[in-house]
Amino acid sequence: MVRIRHGIGGSGTRRPRGGELVVEAFEELGGAPKSLKAAVIRAAFGVDVDERAELCRSYRELARHYGARIDPTPPVSPQMKGRVESAVRYIKRNFLPTLGPGEHTVDEVAAALPRWVERTANQRIHGTTGQRPAEAFEVERAALVPLPATRYRPTIWKKARVHRDSHVVFERRLYSVPWRLIGKEVWLRVDPESVTIFCDDARVAAHARRGPGPRSTLPDHLPAERAALGQRSRGFWEERAAAIGPEVRDFVVAVFERDDVLSMLRPVQAIVTHLEGFPRERAIVDGLSKAEIEAVEDAAEAQLLEDRGEVISDGAHGSPGAGGGGGRAR
């Protein structure tokens, strides 16, 4: 029995996606066919049966790049698939036994396959055509469409829903979308270098595919009151506090220095953004009691959580200096 270790789609190997196998086949042939059968293309694009909409967009883009026409096979019509299954059966029965028993790596199989194609598969007398495949291809080569000057970049189209943090997810990385689209379904067009996002066929965002960290966020995609939360500099928040009043700045400095181990950035962000929503005379916190300061922090953090779409503790809202505000949500 022949076993292929770490085969395509298995452990340790990335599954080809976005038509990579089709591109490699065209390059091996030296051109593209004028007509592309759509019956057996799902595996080449790495999609499942319930992802046909994504497949359709990806396949159309590939066909357009090569100047080919898609010829869909009617449902439940195996007789119109061009005997493609028989070629797979031929490889299993003729090529795999030549590898010998036991396990074989993908590299070993890849090295043996071209030799078998050249010496055996292309030299046999084909049962249907009565010709050697190598000789028949020399006649058919003229019918191929020349390859474009630029190589096709494998592209994936995928649906996604915009989360309440104004981001979509693709392969465990987050990409921001304008906040007004929260909750809506969008299309992602992904190639090796970029992620472009469309809503109602209009482009709404574009990001580099890779980058530092688990997310790519553009400040313009966030509401004005949330965009500043990406600023993590202590000086930035002390300056904003000073714009409210010197007393507020002193209070923020004291909060920053309250704990020599735990970061106080988020409490400061909550306090400053909360106090900025009030007239200056109501935002002055100098001389407040400990209980009153805690009430300000509770109200500020509750507002921050609400802006972020997170769960808010009961009774957390209140104006600066208000004593009622429920328990602390630390």
Protein backbone atom coordinates (compact mmCIF):
# COMPACT_ATOMS: atom_id res chain seq x y z
CA MET A 1 0.00 0.00 0.00
CA VAL A 2 1.29 3.47 -0.93
CA ARG A 3 0.88 6.28 1.58
CA ILE A 4 1.82 9.93 0.97
CA ARG A 5 2.94 11.67 4.13
CA HIS A 6 1.87 15.30 4.66
CA GLY A 7 -0.07 15.46 1.42
CA ILE A 8 -1.97 18.48 0.14
CA GLY A 9 -4.50 19.56 2.74
CA GLY A 10 -2.90 17.39 5.42
CA SER A 11 -0.78 18.09 8.45
CA GLY A 12 2.25 20.27 7.82
CA THR A 13 1.18 21.48 4.37
CA ARG A 14 -0.84 24.55 3.40
CA ARG A 15 -3.81 23.79 1.20
CA PRO A 16 -3.53 25.52 -2.21
CA ARG A 17 -6.02 28.36 -2.50
CA GLY A 18 -7.24 30.99 -4.91
CA GLY A 19 -6.57 28.96 -8.05
CA GLU A 20 -2.87 28.33 -7.42
CA LEU A 21 -3.06 24.85 -8.96
CA VAL A 22 -4.79 26.22 -12.05
CA VAL A 23 -2.08 28.86 -12.48
CA GLU A 24 0.67 26.24 -12.19
CA ALA A 25 -1.11 24.01 -14.72
CA PHE A 26 -1.37 26.84 -17.26
CA GLU A 27 2.32 27.66 -16.81
CA GLU A 28 3.24 23.99 -17.28
CA LEU A 29 1.21 23.88 -20.50
CA GLY A 30 2.61 27.20 -21.73
CA GLY A 31 -0.82 28.74 -22.23
CA ALA A 32 -4.44 28.75 -21.13
CA PRO A 33 -7.40 27.01 -22.75
CA LYS A 34 -10.08 29.18 -24.28
CA SER A 35 -12.77 27.36 -22.31
CA LEU A 36 -12.62 26.43 -18.62
CA LYS A 37 -14.83 23.67 -17.29
CA ALA A 38 -16.37 24.62 -13.94
CA ALA A 39 -17.40 21.18 -12.73
CA VAL A 40 -14.24 20.09 -10.93
CA ILE A 41 -12.65 23.38 -9.97
CA ARG A 42 -13.61 23.56 -6.26
CA ALA A 43 -10.55 21.65 -5.04
CA ALA A 44 -8.20 23.94 -6.97
CA PHE A 45 -9.61 26.96 -5.14
CA GLY A 46 -9.72 25.37 -1.69
CA VAL A 47 -13.41 26.02 -0.98
CA ASP A 48 -16.23 23.85 0.28
CA VAL A 49 -19.55 23.12 -1.37
CA ASP A 50 -21.34 25.80 0.67
CA GLU A 51 -18.88 28.49 -0.51
CA ARG A 52 -19.91 28.59 -4.15
CA ALA A 53 -20.46 32.35 -4.15
CA GLU A 54 -16.84 32.89 -3.12
CA LEU A 55 -15.71 30.36 -5.73
CA CYS A 56 -17.69 32.10 -8.45
CA ARG A 57 -16.01 35.46 -7.81
CA SER A 58 -12.51 33.95 -7.58
CA TYR A 59 -12.95 31.79 -10.67
CA ARG A 60 -14.38 34.66 -12.72
CA GLU A 61 -11.39 36.82 -11.84
CA LEU A 62 -8.96 34.07 -12.86
CA ALA A 63 -10.77 33.46 -16.16
CA ARG A 64 -10.83 37.18 -16.93
CA HIS A 65 -7.07 37.43 -16.32
CA TYR A 66 -6.31 34.64 -18.81
CA GLY A 67 -8.93 35.68 -21.38
CA ALA A 68 -10.84 32.40 -21.02
CA ARG A 69 -14.54 31.61 -20.96
CA ILE A 70 -16.14 29.55 -18.20
CA ASP A 71 -18.21 26.61 -19.44
CA PRO A 72 -20.30 25.37 -16.48
CA THR A 73 -21.22 21.72 -16.47
CA PRO A 74 -24.97 21.21 -15.93
CA PRO A 75 -25.93 19.66 -12.58
CA VAL A 76 -26.15 15.88 -12.44
CA SER A 77 -24.42 15.50 -15.83
CA PRO A 78 -21.31 13.37 -15.28
CA GLN A 79 -21.19 12.46 -18.97
CA MET A 80 -20.27 16.08 -19.77
CA LYS A 81 -17.19 16.34 -17.55
CA GLY A 82 -14.69 15.32 -20.19
CA ARG A 83 -13.72 12.03 -18.51
CA VAL A 84 -11.68 13.88 -15.89
CA GLU A 85 -12.38 11.24 -13.26
CA SER A 86 -10.83 8.55 -15.45
CA ALA A 87 -7.53 10.48 -15.46
CA VAL A 88 -7.49 10.49 -11.66
CA ARG A 89 -8.19 6.75 -11.64
CA TYR A 90 -5.38 6.19 -14.15
CA ILE A 91 -2.87 8.01 -11.92
CA LYS A 92 -3.93 6.00 -8.87
CA ARG A 93 -3.67 2.68 -10.65
CA ASN A 94 -0.57 3.30 -12.76
CA PHE A 95 1.60 5.97 -11.14
CA LEU A 96 1.24 5.33 -7.41
CA PRO A 97 2.33 1.67 -7.61
CA THR A 98 5.61 2.81 -9.19
CA LEU A 99 6.54 4.51 -5.92
CA GLY A 100 6.78 1.20 -4.12
CA PRO A 101 5.15 0.21 -0.82
CA GLY A 102 5.39 2.28 2.35
CA GLU A 103 5.21 6.01 3.05
CA HIS A 104 6.50 8.68 0.69
CA THR A 105 6.94 12.41 1.25
CA VAL A 106 5.40 15.03 -1.00
CA ASP A 107 8.88 15.93 -2.26
CA GLU A 108 9.51 12.33 -3.29
CA VAL A 109 6.20 12.14 -5.12
CA ALA A 110 6.79 15.52 -6.79
CA ALA A 111 10.18 14.34 -8.07
CA ALA A 112 8.82 11.06 -9.44
CA LEU A 113 5.68 12.41 -11.11
CA PRO A 114 7.28 14.39 -14.00
CA ARG A 115 9.38 11.37 -14.98
CA TRP A 116 6.33 9.12 -15.03
CA VAL A 117 4.34 11.67 -17.08
CA GLU A 118 7.11 12.02 -19.67
CA ARG A 119 8.06 8.35 -19.99
CA THR A 120 4.74 6.59 -19.41
CA ALA A 121 1.57 8.71 -19.41
CA ASN A 122 2.47 10.83 -22.45
CA GLN A 123 3.80 7.85 -24.47
CA ARG A 124 0.91 5.42 -24.09
CA ILE A 125 -1.79 4.99 -26.72
CA HIS A 126 -4.84 6.77 -25.32
CA GLY A 127 -7.92 4.54 -25.24
CA THR A 128 -10.30 7.23 -26.53
CA THR A 129 -8.24 9.19 -29.05
CA GLY A 130 -6.01 6.36 -30.26
CA GLN A 131 -3.04 8.77 -30.12
CA ARG A 132 -0.09 9.33 -27.87
CA PRO A 133 -0.92 12.30 -25.56
CA ALA A 134 2.45 13.94 -26.31
CA GLU A 135 1.73 13.91 -30.05
CA ALA A 136 -1.86 15.09 -29.63
CA PHE A 137 -0.76 17.99 -27.43
CA GLU A 138 1.61 19.30 -30.09
CA VAL A 139 -1.43 19.72 -32.34
CA GLU A 140 -3.58 21.25 -29.61
CA ARG A 141 -0.89 23.62 -28.34
CA ALA A 142 -1.76 26.15 -31.04
CA ALA A 143 -5.25 26.49 -29.60
CA LEU A 144 -3.98 27.73 -26.23
CA VAL A 145 -4.29 31.39 -25.32
CA PRO A 146 -0.82 32.91 -24.68
CA LEU A 147 -0.06 33.61 -21.04
CA PRO A 148 -0.44 37.26 -19.94
CA ALA A 149 2.68 39.35 -19.37
CA THR A 150 1.97 39.48 -15.63
CA ARG A 151 1.44 36.40 -13.50
CA TYR A 152 -1.96 35.96 -11.94
CA ARG A 153 -1.92 36.54 -8.20
CA PRO A 154 -4.09 33.88 -6.55
CA THR A 155 -7.13 35.67 -5.16
CA ILE A 156 -9.68 34.63 -2.59
CA TRP A 157 -13.13 36.18 -2.24
CA LYS A 158 -14.85 35.60 1.07
CA LYS A 159 -17.90 36.94 2.88
CA ALA A 160 -17.49 38.37 6.37
CA ARG A 161 -19.58 40.26 8.89
CA VAL A 162 -18.33 43.49 10.45
CA HIS A 163 -17.99 43.00 14.20
CA ARG A 164 -19.04 45.60 16.73
CA ASP A 165 -15.40 46.69 17.11
CA SER A 166 -15.44 47.80 13.43
CA HIS A 167 -13.24 44.91 12.27
CA VAL A 168 -13.59 41.80 10.11
CA VAL A 169 -11.58 38.62 10.54
CA PHE A 170 -9.59 36.74 7.94
CA GLU A 171 -7.26 33.90 8.93
CA ARG A 172 -7.10 35.07 12.56
CA ARG A 173 -6.12 38.64 11.70
CA LEU A 174 -8.40 41.65 12.15
CA TYR A 175 -8.91 44.38 9.55
CA SER A 176 -10.82 47.59 10.24
CA VAL A 177 -13.87 48.76 8.31
CA PRO A 178 -15.70 52.12 8.58
CA TRP A 179 -17.72 51.97 11.80
CA ARG A 180 -21.01 52.79 10.03
CA LEU A 181 -20.89 49.26 8.54
CA ILE A 182 -20.98 47.48 11.91
CA GLY A 183 -23.23 44.44 11.66
CA LYS A 184 -23.29 44.40 7.86
CA GLU A 185 -22.07 41.66 5.54
CA VAL A 186 -19.13 42.60 3.32
CA TRP A 187 -16.89 40.94 0.73
CA LEU A 188 -13.16 40.45 1.27
CA ARG A 189 -10.88 40.25 -1.74
CA VAL A 190 -7.61 38.75 -0.55
CA ASP A 191 -4.41 38.32 -2.52
CA PRO A 192 -0.91 37.54 -1.21
CA GLU A 193 -0.18 41.23 -0.47
CA SER A 194 -3.48 42.92 0.37
CA VAL A 195 -7.00 42.67 1.77
CA THR A 196 -9.59 44.85 0.05
CA ILE A 197 -13.09 45.12 1.50
CA PHE A 198 -16.26 45.83 -0.48
CA CYS A 199 -19.81 46.61 0.61
CA ASP A 200 -22.56 46.64 -2.02
CA ASP A 201 -19.79 46.34 -4.65
CA ALA A 202 -18.18 49.60 -3.47
CA ARG A 203 -14.65 49.55 -2.06
CA VAL A 204 -14.71 50.67 1.57
CA ALA A 205 -11.28 49.66 2.95
CA ALA A 206 -7.86 48.35 1.96
CA HIS A 207 -5.10 46.89 4.15
CA ALA A 208 -1.75 45.20 3.76
CA ARG A 209 -2.24 41.43 4.15
CA ARG A 210 0.60 41.11 6.67
CA GLY A 211 1.91 43.43 9.33
CA PRO A 212 2.95 43.74 12.96
CA GLY A 213 0.46 42.55 15.51
CA PRO A 214 -2.85 40.69 15.14
CA ARG A 215 -4.82 43.61 13.68
CA SER A 216 -4.69 46.38 11.11
CA THR A 217 -6.69 49.42 12.18
CA LEU A 218 -7.09 52.71 10.31
CA PRO A 219 -8.05 55.61 12.64
CA ASP A 220 -10.53 57.01 10.11
CA HIS A 221 -12.56 53.81 10.39
CA LEU A 222 -13.40 54.46 14.06
CA PRO A 223 -15.86 56.98 15.51
CA ALA A 224 -14.13 60.21 16.53
CA GLU A 225 -14.61 59.43 20.21
CA ARG A 226 -12.90 56.05 19.81
CA ALA A 227 -10.07 56.90 17.45
CA ALA A 228 -8.01 58.49 20.22
CA LEU A 229 -8.12 55.26 22.25
CA GLY A 230 -5.40 53.89 20.00
CA GLN A 231 -3.02 56.45 21.49
CA ARG A 232 -1.01 54.77 24.25
CA SER A 233 1.38 57.61 25.14
CA ARG A 234 1.10 58.96 28.68
CA GLY A 235 2.03 62.42 27.45
CA PHE A 236 -0.84 62.40 24.95
CA TRP A 237 -3.43 61.81 27.68
CA GLU A 238 -1.86 64.25 30.10
CA GLU A 239 -2.07 66.96 27.40
CA ARG A 240 -5.75 66.19 26.80
CA ALA A 241 -6.39 66.35 30.53
CA ALA A 242 -4.58 69.70 30.73
CA ALA A 243 -6.85 71.05 27.98
CA ILE A 244 -9.78 70.48 30.32
CA GLY A 245 -8.01 72.14 33.24
CA PRO A 246 -4.83 71.97 35.32
CA GLU A 247 -6.71 70.25 38.13
CA VAL A 248 -7.76 67.46 35.76
CA ARG A 249 -4.17 67.06 34.57
CA ASP A 250 -2.96 66.75 38.18
CA PHE A 251 -5.64 64.19 38.85
CA VAL A 252 -4.65 62.15 35.75
CA VAL A 253 -0.97 62.26 36.77
CA ALA A 254 -1.97 60.91 40.19
CA VAL A 255 -3.94 58.07 38.57
CA PHE A 256 -0.97 57.14 36.34
CA GLU A 257 1.28 56.98 39.42
CA ARG A 258 -1.21 55.14 41.62
CA ASP A 259 0.23 51.70 40.83
CA ASP A 260 3.88 50.99 40.06
CA VAL A 261 3.09 47.63 38.41
CA LEU A 262 -0.41 47.76 36.91
CA SER A 263 -0.90 49.94 33.82
CA MET A 264 -3.40 52.71 34.48
CA LEU A 265 -3.75 53.70 30.82
CA ARG A 266 -7.28 52.40 30.35
CA PRO A 267 -8.65 54.09 33.49
CA VAL A 268 -7.03 57.36 32.37
CA GLN A 269 -8.51 56.99 28.89
CA ALA A 270 -11.92 56.41 30.42
CA ILE A 271 -11.62 59.36 32.80
CA VAL A 272 -10.42 61.88 30.20
CA THR A 273 -12.88 60.92 27.46
CA HIS A 274 -15.72 60.95 30.00
CA LEU A 275 -14.84 64.36 31.44
CA GLU A 276 -14.45 65.86 27.97
CA GLY A 277 -18.18 65.42 27.55
CA PHE A 278 -18.96 67.94 30.30
CA PRO A 279 -18.49 71.71 30.67
CA ARG A 280 -15.18 72.63 32.24
CA GLU A 281 -16.70 73.76 35.53
CA ARG A 282 -18.32 70.36 36.00
CA ALA A 283 -15.16 68.44 35.03
CA ILE A 284 -12.95 69.91 37.80
CA VAL A 285 -12.14 67.08 40.20
CA ASP A 286 -9.64 68.79 42.51
CA GLY A 287 -10.42 68.14 46.14
CA LEU A 288 -12.94 65.36 45.54
CA SER A 289 -13.17 62.70 48.18
CA LYS A 290 -11.98 59.15 47.49
CA ALA A 291 -15.57 57.98 47.12
CA GLU A 292 -16.32 60.78 44.66
CA ILE A 293 -13.18 60.02 42.64
CA GLU A 294 -14.22 56.38 42.44
CA ALA A 295 -17.66 57.47 41.24
CA VAL A 296 -16.03 59.50 38.45
CA GLU A 297 -13.88 56.53 37.43
CA ASP A 298 -16.89 54.19 37.49
CA ALA A 299 -18.93 56.49 35.29
CA ALA A 300 -16.03 57.03 32.91
CA GLU A 301 -15.25 53.35 32.52
CA ALA A 302 -18.92 52.54 32.00
CA GLN A 303 -19.07 55.08 29.19
CA LEU A 304 -15.91 53.62 27.64
CA LEU A 305 -17.37 50.12 27.74
CA GLU A 306 -20.58 51.35 26.14
CA ASP A 307 -18.63 53.05 23.35
CA ARG A 308 -16.78 49.79 22.74
CA GLY A 309 -19.98 47.76 22.72
CA GLU A 310 -19.02 45.77 25.81
CA VAL A 311 -21.18 44.72 28.76
CA ILE A 312 -21.93 47.52 31.21
CA SER A 313 -22.43 46.88 34.93
CA ASP A 314 -25.81 47.98 36.32
CA GLY A 315 -25.84 51.50 37.71
CA ALA A 316 -22.45 52.38 36.32
CA HIS A 317 -23.44 55.69 34.73
CA GLY A 318 -23.34 59.03 36.47
CA SER A 319 -22.09 62.54 36.14
CA PRO A 320 -18.79 63.80 37.63
CA GLY A 321 -19.01 64.07 41.37
CA ALA A 322 -22.19 61.98 41.62
CA GLY A 323 -22.04 59.65 44.57
CA GLY A 324 -24.49 57.04 43.28
CA GLY A 325 -23.00 54.72 40.74
CA GLY A 326 -23.18 51.16 41.96
CA GLY A 327 -20.28 48.86 42.69
CA ARG A 328 -16.85 49.27 41.06
CA ALA A 329 -16.23 47.14 37.98
CA ARG A 330 -12.51 46.58 38.45
